[in-house]
Amino acid sequence: GVRRGDRVGILLNKSLECIVALFAILKAGAAYVPLDPAS
């Protein structure tokens, strides 16, 4: 259900998976919200 203009959280430490997630969210037309796993 992610559509253009939605916001999607990324709760990952720095990693290759985080980069993949960032690009995937942008390709889905959404914006990413970085979330710190240590918070």
PDB file of all heavy atoms in Angstrom:
ATOM      1  N   GLY A   1       0.765  -1.241   0.000  1.00  0.00           N
ATOM      2  CA  GLY A   1       0.000   0.000   0.000  1.00  0.00           C
ATOM      3  C   GLY A   1       0.792   1.285   0.000  1.00  0.00           C
ATOM      4  O   GLY A   1       0.208   2.362   0.096  1.00  0.00           O
ATOM      5  N   VAL A   2       2.119   1.219  -0.113  1.00  0.00           N
ATOM      6  CA  VAL A   2       2.922   2.445  -0.140  1.00  0.00           C
ATOM      7  C   VAL A   2       2.723   3.132  -1.490  1.00  0.00           C
ATOM      8  O   VAL A   2       2.856   2.503  -2.539  1.00  0.00           O
ATOM      9  CB  VAL A   2       4.411   2.146   0.119  1.00  0.00           C
ATOM     10  CG1 VAL A   2       5.262   3.396  -0.076  1.00  0.00           C
ATOM     11  CG2 VAL A   2       4.598   1.583   1.517  1.00  0.00           C
ATOM     12  N   ARG A   3       2.402   4.401  -1.431  1.00  0.00           N
ATOM     13  CA  ARG A   3       2.135   5.193  -2.641  1.00  0.00           C
ATOM     14  C   ARG A   3       2.957   6.484  -2.615  1.00  0.00           C
ATOM     15  O   ARG A   3       3.532   6.849  -1.597  1.00  0.00           O
ATOM     16  CB  ARG A   3       0.644   5.563  -2.719  1.00  0.00           C
ATOM     17  CG  ARG A   3      -0.285   4.380  -2.777  1.00  0.00           C
ATOM     18  CD  ARG A   3      -0.226   3.691  -4.137  1.00  0.00           C
ATOM     19  NE  ARG A   3      -1.090   2.539  -4.183  1.00  0.00           N
ATOM     20  CZ  ARG A   3      -0.678   1.284  -4.131  1.00  0.00           C
ATOM     21  NH1 ARG A   3       0.597   1.003  -4.005  1.00  0.00           N
ATOM     22  NH2 ARG A   3      -1.524   0.284  -4.191  1.00  0.00           N
ATOM     23  N   ARG A   4       2.937   7.186  -3.743  1.00  0.00           N
ATOM     24  CA  ARG A   4       3.642   8.462  -3.871  1.00  0.00           C
ATOM     25  C   ARG A   4       3.220   9.407  -2.751  1.00  0.00           C
ATOM     26  O   ARG A   4       2.038   9.554  -2.462  1.00  0.00           O
ATOM     27  CB  ARG A   4       3.328   9.097  -5.222  1.00  0.00           C
ATOM     28  CG  ARG A   4       4.018  10.426  -5.436  1.00  0.00           C
ATOM     29  CD  ARG A   4       3.835  10.953  -6.843  1.00  0.00           C
ATOM     30  NE  ARG A   4       4.421  10.067  -7.830  1.00  0.00           N
ATOM     31  CZ  ARG A   4       5.734   9.944  -8.092  1.00  0.00           C
ATOM     32  NH1 ARG A   4       6.590  10.659  -7.395  1.00  0.00           N
ATOM     33  NH2 ARG A   4       6.163   9.125  -9.016  1.00  0.00           N
ATOM     34  N   GLY A   5       4.225   9.975  -2.101  1.00  0.00           N
ATOM     35  CA  GLY A   5       3.980  10.934  -1.038  1.00  0.00           C
ATOM     36  C   GLY A   5       3.899  10.337   0.357  1.00  0.00           C
ATOM     37  O   GLY A   5       3.913  11.076   1.342  1.00  0.00           O
ATOM     38  N   ASP A   6       3.791   9.010   0.442  1.00  0.00           N
ATOM     39  CA  ASP A   6       3.781   8.377   1.761  1.00  0.00           C
ATOM     40  C   ASP A   6       5.147   8.504   2.413  1.00  0.00           C
ATOM     41  O   ASP A   6       6.151   8.762   1.757  1.00  0.00           O
ATOM     42  CB  ASP A   6       3.429   6.884   1.644  1.00  0.00           C
ATOM     43  CG  ASP A   6       1.967   6.633   1.348  1.00  0.00           C
ATOM     44  OD1 ASP A   6       1.139   7.543   1.555  1.00  0.00           O
ATOM     45  OD2 ASP A   6       1.647   5.512   0.902  1.00  0.00           O
ATOM     46  N   ARG A   7       5.168   8.269   3.708  1.00  0.00           N
ATOM     47  CA  ARG A   7       6.425   8.236   4.461  1.00  0.00           C
ATOM     48  C   ARG A   7       6.631   6.822   4.983  1.00  0.00           C
ATOM     49  O   ARG A   7       5.697   6.211   5.500  1.00  0.00           O
ATOM     50  CB  ARG A   7       6.376   9.239   5.612  1.00  0.00           C
ATOM     51  CG  ARG A   7       6.369  10.676   5.122  1.00  0.00           C
ATOM     52  CD  ARG A   7       6.108  11.623   6.297  1.00  0.00           C
ATOM     53  NE  ARG A   7       5.650  12.900   5.803  1.00  0.00           N
ATOM     54  CZ  ARG A   7       4.380  13.221   5.582  1.00  0.00           C
ATOM     55  NH1 ARG A   7       3.428  12.354   5.815  1.00  0.00           N
ATOM     56  NH2 ARG A   7       4.057  14.406   5.137  1.00  0.00           N
ATOM     57  N   VAL A   8       7.853   6.338   4.831  1.00  0.00           N
ATOM     58  CA  VAL A   8       8.199   4.986   5.268  1.00  0.00           C
ATOM     59  C   VAL A   8       9.405   5.078   6.189  1.00  0.00           C
ATOM     60  O   VAL A   8      10.414   5.696   5.843  1.00  0.00           O
ATOM     61  CB  VAL A   8       8.518   4.075   4.055  1.00  0.00           C
ATOM     62  CG1 VAL A   8       8.958   2.692   4.511  1.00  0.00           C
ATOM     63  CG2 VAL A   8       7.313   3.986   3.118  1.00  0.00           C
ATOM     64  N   GLY A   9       9.297   4.470   7.353  1.00  0.00           N
ATOM     65  CA  GLY A   9      10.396   4.485   8.305  1.00  0.00           C
ATOM     66  C   GLY A   9      11.465   3.467   7.960  1.00  0.00           C
ATOM     67  O   GLY A   9      11.164   2.385   7.459  1.00  0.00           O
ATOM     68  N   ILE A  10      12.710   3.848   8.197  1.00  0.00           N
ATOM     69  CA  ILE A  10      13.847   2.928   8.062  1.00  0.00           C
ATOM     70  C   ILE A  10      14.476   2.802   9.447  1.00  0.00           C
ATOM     71  O   ILE A  10      15.093   3.737   9.942  1.00  0.00           O
ATOM     72  CB  ILE A  10      14.905   3.443   7.063  1.00  0.00           C
ATOM     73  CG1 ILE A  10      14.338   3.567   5.657  1.00  0.00           C
ATOM     74  CG2 ILE A  10      16.119   2.507   7.062  1.00  0.00           C
ATOM     75  CD1 ILE A  10      15.349   4.086   4.643  1.00  0.00           C
ATOM     76  N   LEU A  11      14.304   1.632  10.048  1.00  0.00           N
ATOM     77  CA  LEU A  11      14.859   1.352  11.371  1.00  0.00           C
ATOM     78  C   LEU A  11      15.969   0.322  11.196  1.00  0.00           C
ATOM     79  O   LEU A  11      15.793  -0.862  11.441  1.00  0.00           O
ATOM     80  CB  LEU A  11      13.773   0.835  12.310  1.00  0.00           C
ATOM     81  CG  LEU A  11      14.183   0.527  13.744  1.00  0.00           C
ATOM     82  CD1 LEU A  11      14.633   1.790  14.460  1.00  0.00           C
ATOM     83  CD2 LEU A  11      13.052  -0.133  14.497  1.00  0.00           C
ATOM     84  N   LEU A  12      17.100   0.788  10.698  1.00  0.00           N
ATOM     85  CA  LEU A  12      18.248  -0.072  10.423  1.00  0.00           C
ATOM     86  C   LEU A  12      19.528   0.634  10.830  1.00  0.00           C
ATOM     87  O   LEU A  12      19.626   1.858  10.721  1.00  0.00           O
ATOM     88  CB  LEU A  12      18.349  -0.393   8.926  1.00  0.00           C
ATOM     89  CG  LEU A  12      17.266  -1.263   8.311  1.00  0.00           C
ATOM     90  CD1 LEU A  12      17.387  -1.242   6.787  1.00  0.00           C
ATOM     91  CD2 LEU A  12      17.384  -2.684   8.833  1.00  0.00           C
ATOM     92  N   ASN A  13      20.491  -0.142  11.265  1.00  0.00           N
ATOM     93  CA  ASN A  13      21.823   0.398  11.445  1.00  0.00           C
ATOM     94  C   ASN A  13      22.437   0.639  10.072  1.00  0.00           C
ATOM     95  O   ASN A  13      21.934   0.128   9.064  1.00  0.00           O
ATOM     96  CB  ASN A  13      22.692  -0.581  12.241  1.00  0.00           C
ATOM     97  CG  ASN A  13      22.255  -0.660  13.689  1.00  0.00           C
ATOM     98  OD1 ASN A  13      22.031   0.349  14.341  1.00  0.00           O
ATOM     99  ND2 ASN A  13      22.117  -1.871  14.194  1.00  0.00           N
ATOM    100  N   LYS A  14      23.527   1.375  10.021  1.00  0.00           N
ATOM    101  CA  LYS A  14      24.224   1.599   8.757  1.00  0.00           C
ATOM    102  C   LYS A  14      24.606   0.249   8.169  1.00  0.00           C
ATOM    103  O   LYS A  14      25.224  -0.580   8.845  1.00  0.00           O
ATOM    104  CB  LYS A  14      25.465   2.454   8.966  1.00  0.00           C
ATOM    105  CG  LYS A  14      25.141   3.866   9.375  1.00  0.00           C
ATOM    106  CD  LYS A  14      26.398   4.665   9.630  1.00  0.00           C
ATOM    107  CE  LYS A  14      26.032   6.052  10.103  1.00  0.00           C
ATOM    108  NZ  LYS A  14      27.210   6.840  10.458  1.00  0.00           N
ATOM    109  N   SER A  15      24.200   0.022   6.914  1.00  0.00           N
ATOM    110  CA  SER A  15      24.431  -1.266   6.277  1.00  0.00           C
ATOM    111  C   SER A  15      24.078  -1.178   4.795  1.00  0.00           C
ATOM    112  O   SER A  15      23.484  -0.186   4.348  1.00  0.00           O
ATOM    113  CB  SER A  15      23.562  -2.343   6.928  1.00  0.00           C
ATOM    114  OG  SER A  15      22.190  -2.036   6.742  1.00  0.00           O
ATOM    115  N   LEU A  16      24.406  -2.222   4.055  1.00  0.00           N
ATOM    116  CA  LEU A  16      23.984  -2.298   2.658  1.00  0.00           C
ATOM    117  C   LEU A  16      22.464  -2.372   2.580  1.00  0.00           C
ATOM    118  O   LEU A  16      21.852  -1.780   1.679  1.00  0.00           O
ATOM    119  CB  LEU A  16      24.600  -3.518   1.968  1.00  0.00           C
ATOM    120  CG  LEU A  16      26.108  -3.504   1.779  1.00  0.00           C
ATOM    121  CD1 LEU A  16      26.568  -4.783   1.078  1.00  0.00           C
ATOM    122  CD2 LEU A  16      26.567  -2.293   0.996  1.00  0.00           C
ATOM    123  N   GLU A  17      21.855  -3.069   3.520  1.00  0.00           N
ATOM    124  CA  GLU A  17      20.398  -3.192   3.533  1.00  0.00           C
ATOM    125  C   GLU A  17      19.720  -1.835   3.695  1.00  0.00           C
ATOM    126  O   GLU A  17      18.662  -1.590   3.116  1.00  0.00           O
ATOM    127  CB  GLU A  17      19.958  -4.153   4.651  1.00  0.00           C
ATOM    128  CG  GLU A  17      20.339  -5.588   4.420  1.00  0.00           C
ATOM    129  CD  GLU A  17      21.807  -5.927   4.710  1.00  0.00           C
ATOM    130  OE1 GLU A  17      22.511  -5.110   5.342  1.00  0.00           O
ATOM    131  OE2 GLU A  17      22.237  -7.012   4.292  1.00  0.00           O
ATOM    132  N   CYS A  18      20.350  -0.952   4.446  1.00  0.00           N
ATOM    133  CA  CYS A  18      19.812   0.392   4.618  1.00  0.00           C
ATOM    134  C   CYS A  18      19.824   1.153   3.289  1.00  0.00           C
ATOM    135  O   CYS A  18      18.865   1.843   2.958  1.00  0.00           O
ATOM    136  CB  CYS A  18      20.613   1.132   5.685  1.00  0.00           C
ATOM    137  SG  CYS A  18      19.892   2.713   6.156  1.00  0.00           S
ATOM    138  N   ILE A  19      20.884   1.006   2.518  1.00  0.00           N
ATOM    139  CA  ILE A  19      20.973   1.663   1.211  1.00  0.00           C
ATOM    140  C   ILE A  19      19.917   1.096   0.264  1.00  0.00           C
ATOM    141  O   ILE A  19      19.247   1.833  -0.463  1.00  0.00           O
ATOM    142  CB  ILE A  19      22.391   1.509   0.610  1.00  0.00           C
ATOM    143  CG1 ILE A  19      23.441   2.143   1.526  1.00  0.00           C
ATOM    144  CG2 ILE A  19      22.455   2.079  -0.802  1.00  0.00           C
ATOM    145  CD1 ILE A  19      23.281   3.631   1.734  1.00  0.00           C
ATOM    146  N   VAL A  20      19.753  -0.215   0.280  1.00  0.00           N
ATOM    147  CA  VAL A  20      18.720  -0.851  -0.550  1.00  0.00           C
ATOM    148  C   VAL A  20      17.351  -0.306  -0.164  1.00  0.00           C
ATOM    149  O   VAL A  20      16.545   0.048  -1.033  1.00  0.00           O
ATOM    150  CB  VAL A  20      18.763  -2.392  -0.409  1.00  0.00           C
ATOM    151  CG1 VAL A  20      17.538  -3.033  -1.056  1.00  0.00           C
ATOM    152  CG2 VAL A  20      20.047  -2.956  -1.014  1.00  0.00           C
ATOM    153  N   ALA A  21      17.069  -0.238   1.134  1.00  0.00           N
ATOM    154  CA  ALA A  21      15.775   0.266   1.605  1.00  0.00           C
ATOM    155  C   ALA A  21      15.546   1.713   1.172  1.00  0.00           C
ATOM    156  O   ALA A  21      14.453   2.066   0.723  1.00  0.00           O
ATOM    157  CB  ALA A  21      15.686   0.148   3.122  1.00  0.00           C
ATOM    158  N   LEU A  22      16.562   2.536   1.284  1.00  0.00           N
ATOM    159  CA  LEU A  22      16.447   3.937   0.883  1.00  0.00           C
ATOM    160  C   LEU A  22      16.048   4.046  -0.591  1.00  0.00           C
ATOM    161  O   LEU A  22      15.096   4.749  -0.936  1.00  0.00           O
ATOM    162  CB  LEU A  22      17.777   4.645   1.137  1.00  0.00           C
ATOM    163  CG  LEU A  22      17.833   6.124   0.875  1.00  0.00           C
ATOM    164  CD1 LEU A  22      18.790   6.772   1.852  1.00  0.00           C
ATOM    165  CD2 LEU A  22      18.274   6.413  -0.535  1.00  0.00           C
ATOM    166  N   PHE A  23      16.765   3.330  -1.456  1.00  0.00           N
ATOM    167  CA  PHE A  23      16.431   3.377  -2.888  1.00  0.00           C
ATOM    168  C   PHE A  23      15.048   2.803  -3.151  1.00  0.00           C
ATOM    169  O   PHE A  23      14.304   3.330  -3.985  1.00  0.00           O
ATOM    170  CB  PHE A  23      17.493   2.650  -3.718  1.00  0.00           C
ATOM    171  CG  PHE A  23      18.663   3.512  -4.070  1.00  0.00           C
ATOM    172  CD1 PHE A  23      19.874   3.368  -3.422  1.00  0.00           C
ATOM    173  CD2 PHE A  23      18.564   4.481  -5.059  1.00  0.00           C
ATOM    174  CE1 PHE A  23      20.953   4.167  -3.731  1.00  0.00           C
ATOM    175  CE2 PHE A  23      19.640   5.290  -5.386  1.00  0.00           C
ATOM    176  CZ  PHE A  23      20.839   5.130  -4.721  1.00  0.00           C
ATOM    177  N   ALA A  24      14.681   1.730  -2.473  1.00  0.00           N
ATOM    178  CA  ALA A  24      13.367   1.119  -2.684  1.00  0.00           C
ATOM    179  C   ALA A  24      12.249   2.084  -2.324  1.00  0.00           C
ATOM    180  O   ALA A  24      11.261   2.214  -3.055  1.00  0.00           O
ATOM    181  CB  ALA A  24      13.255  -0.159  -1.856  1.00  0.00           C
ATOM    182  N   ILE A  25      12.407   2.778  -1.225  1.00  0.00           N
ATOM    183  CA  ILE A  25      11.391   3.738  -0.796  1.00  0.00           C
ATOM    184  C   ILE A  25      11.266   4.856  -1.819  1.00  0.00           C
ATOM    185  O   ILE A  25      10.155   5.245  -2.205  1.00  0.00           O
ATOM    186  CB  ILE A  25      11.717   4.276   0.611  1.00  0.00           C
ATOM    187  CG1 ILE A  25      11.546   3.153   1.642  1.00  0.00           C
ATOM    188  CG2 ILE A  25      10.844   5.481   0.966  1.00  0.00           C
ATOM    189  CD1 ILE A  25      12.153   3.445   3.002  1.00  0.00           C
ATOM    190  N   LEU A  26      12.391   5.368  -2.289  1.00  0.00           N
ATOM    191  CA  LEU A  26      12.349   6.423  -3.299  1.00  0.00           C
ATOM    192  C   LEU A  26      11.705   5.922  -4.586  1.00  0.00           C
ATOM    193  O   LEU A  26      10.915   6.629  -5.229  1.00  0.00           O
ATOM    194  CB  LEU A  26      13.762   6.934  -3.580  1.00  0.00           C
ATOM    195  CG  LEU A  26      14.454   7.658  -2.423  1.00  0.00           C
ATOM    196  CD1 LEU A  26      15.889   8.018  -2.806  1.00  0.00           C
ATOM    197  CD2 LEU A  26      13.676   8.885  -1.985  1.00  0.00           C
ATOM    198  N   LYS A  27      12.016   4.685  -4.996  1.00  0.00           N
ATOM    199  CA  LYS A  27      11.425   4.117  -6.214  1.00  0.00           C
ATOM    200  C   LYS A  27       9.925   3.912  -6.073  1.00  0.00           C
ATOM    201  O   LYS A  27       9.195   3.964  -7.059  1.00  0.00           O
ATOM    202  CB  LYS A  27      12.105   2.798  -6.570  1.00  0.00           C
ATOM    203  CG  LYS A  27      13.496   2.982  -7.103  1.00  0.00           C
ATOM    204  CD  LYS A  27      14.145   1.656  -7.404  1.00  0.00           C
ATOM    205  CE  LYS A  27      15.531   1.872  -7.988  1.00  0.00           C
ATOM    206  NZ  LYS A  27      16.058   0.646  -8.596  1.00  0.00           N
ATOM    207  N   ALA A  28       9.462   3.693  -4.852  1.00  0.00           N
ATOM    208  CA  ALA A  28       8.033   3.547  -4.597  1.00  0.00           C
ATOM    209  C   ALA A  28       7.329   4.905  -4.587  1.00  0.00           C
ATOM    210  O   ALA A  28       6.108   4.969  -4.460  1.00  0.00           O
ATOM    211  CB  ALA A  28       7.800   2.815  -3.283  1.00  0.00           C
ATOM    212  N   GLY A  29       8.112   5.988  -4.705  1.00  0.00           N
ATOM    213  CA  GLY A  29       7.538   7.328  -4.728  1.00  0.00           C
ATOM    214  C   GLY A  29       7.335   7.921  -3.340  1.00  0.00           C
ATOM    215  O   GLY A  29       6.726   8.975  -3.196  1.00  0.00           O
ATOM    216  N   ALA A  30       7.834   7.245  -2.340  1.00  0.00           N
ATOM    217  CA  ALA A  30       7.646   7.685  -0.963  1.00  0.00           C
ATOM    218  C   ALA A  30       8.882   8.434  -0.460  1.00  0.00           C
ATOM    219  O   ALA A  30       9.894   8.529  -1.162  1.00  0.00           O
ATOM    220  CB  ALA A  30       7.357   6.472  -0.068  1.00  0.00           C
ATOM    221  N   ALA A  31       8.774   8.929   0.738  1.00  0.00           N
ATOM    222  CA  ALA A  31       9.894   9.581   1.420  1.00  0.00           C
ATOM    223  C   ALA A  31      10.297   8.694   2.587  1.00  0.00           C
ATOM    224  O   ALA A  31       9.449   8.056   3.213  1.00  0.00           O
ATOM    225  CB  ALA A  31       9.476  10.953   1.936  1.00  0.00           C
ATOM    226  N   TYR A  32      11.590   8.652   2.868  1.00  0.00           N
ATOM    227  CA  TYR A  32      12.038   7.820   3.981  1.00  0.00           C
ATOM    228  C   TYR A  32      12.207   8.663   5.237  1.00  0.00           C
ATOM    229  O   TYR A  32      12.549   9.831   5.190  1.00  0.00           O
ATOM    230  CB  TYR A  32      13.312   7.053   3.643  1.00  0.00           C
ATOM    231  CG  TYR A  32      14.538   7.898   3.419  1.00  0.00           C
ATOM    232  CD1 TYR A  32      15.389   8.219   4.470  1.00  0.00           C
ATOM    233  CD2 TYR A  32      14.853   8.375   2.155  1.00  0.00           C
ATOM    234  CE1 TYR A  32      16.513   8.999   4.263  1.00  0.00           C
ATOM    235  CE2 TYR A  32      15.971   9.145   1.934  1.00  0.00           C
ATOM    236  CZ  TYR A  32      16.799   9.455   2.989  1.00  0.00           C
ATOM    237  OH  TYR A  32      17.916  10.230   2.788  1.00  0.00           O
ATOM    238  N   VAL A  33      11.914   8.028   6.359  1.00  0.00           N
ATOM    239  CA  VAL A  33      12.073   8.643   7.669  1.00  0.00           C
ATOM    240  C   VAL A  33      13.138   7.819   8.395  1.00  0.00           C
ATOM    241  O   VAL A  33      12.881   6.676   8.768  1.00  0.00           O
ATOM    242  CB  VAL A  33      10.756   8.637   8.468  1.00  0.00           C
ATOM    243  CG1 VAL A  33      10.964   9.234   9.858  1.00  0.00           C
ATOM    244  CG2 VAL A  33       9.663   9.381   7.714  1.00  0.00           C
ATOM    245  N   PRO A  34      14.337   8.369   8.577  1.00  0.00           N
ATOM    246  CA  PRO A  34      15.380   7.605   9.271  1.00  0.00           C
ATOM    247  C   PRO A  34      15.059   7.493  10.757  1.00  0.00           C
ATOM    248  O   PRO A  34      14.745   8.480  11.411  1.00  0.00           O
ATOM    249  CB  PRO A  34      16.644   8.423   9.027  1.00  0.00           C
ATOM    250  CG  PRO A  34      16.176   9.805   8.731  1.00  0.00           C
ATOM    251  CD  PRO A  34      14.802   9.686   8.146  1.00  0.00           C
ATOM    252  N   LEU A  35      15.121   6.268  11.255  1.00  0.00           N
ATOM    253  CA  LEU A  35      14.857   5.994  12.662  1.00  0.00           C
ATOM    254  C   LEU A  35      16.097   5.331  13.251  1.00  0.00           C
ATOM    255  O   LEU A  35      16.590   4.346  12.706  1.00  0.00           O
ATOM    256  CB  LEU A  35      13.641   5.078  12.806  1.00  0.00           C
ATOM    257  CG  LEU A  35      12.336   5.622  12.217  1.00  0.00           C
ATOM    258  CD1 LEU A  35      11.295   4.524  12.121  1.00  0.00           C
ATOM    259  CD2 LEU A  35      11.830   6.786  13.043  1.00  0.00           C
ATOM    260  N   ASP A  36      16.576   5.860  14.362  1.00  0.00           N
ATOM    261  CA  ASP A  36      17.791   5.354  14.990  1.00  0.00           C
ATOM    262  C   ASP A  36      17.465   4.153  15.879  1.00  0.00           C
ATOM    263  O   ASP A  36      16.731   4.299  16.858  1.00  0.00           O
ATOM    264  CB  ASP A  36      18.427   6.468  15.816  1.00  0.00           C
ATOM    265  CG  ASP A  36      19.736   6.074  16.465  1.00  0.00           C
ATOM    266  OD1 ASP A  36      20.171   4.908  16.322  1.00  0.00           O
ATOM    267  OD2 ASP A  36      20.341   6.936  17.126  1.00  0.00           O
ATOM    268  N   PRO A  37      18.013   2.974  15.552  1.00  0.00           N
ATOM    269  CA  PRO A  37      17.742   1.796  16.383  1.00  0.00           C
ATOM    270  C   PRO A  37      18.182   1.957  17.841  1.00  0.00           C
ATOM    271  O   PRO A  37      17.668   1.265  18.714  1.00  0.00           O
ATOM    272  CB  PRO A  37      18.545   0.678  15.708  1.00  0.00           C
ATOM    273  CG  PRO A  37      18.745   1.138  14.305  1.00  0.00           C
ATOM    274  CD  PRO A  37      18.824   2.635  14.383  1.00  0.00           C
ATOM    275  N   ALA A  38      19.077   2.885  18.112  1.00  0.00           N
ATOM    276  CA  ALA A  38      19.546   3.101  19.484  1.00  0.00           C
ATOM    277  C   ALA A  38      18.619   4.020  20.280  1.00  0.00           C
ATOM    278  O   ALA A  38      18.792   4.173  21.490  1.00  0.00           O
ATOM    279  CB  ALA A  38      20.954   3.687  19.469  1.00  0.00           C
ATOM    280  N   SER A  39      17.636   4.603  19.630  1.00  0.00           N
ATOM    281  CA  SER A  39      16.718   5.511  20.319  1.00  0.00           C
ATOM    282  C   SER A  39      15.742   4.729  21.192  1.00  0.00           C
ATOM    283  O   SER A  39      15.366   3.605  20.862  1.00  0.00           O
ATOM    284  CB  SER A  39      15.916   6.331  19.305  1.00  0.00           C
ATOM    285  OG  SER A  39      16.738   7.245  18.646  1.00  0.00           O
TER     286      SER A  39
END
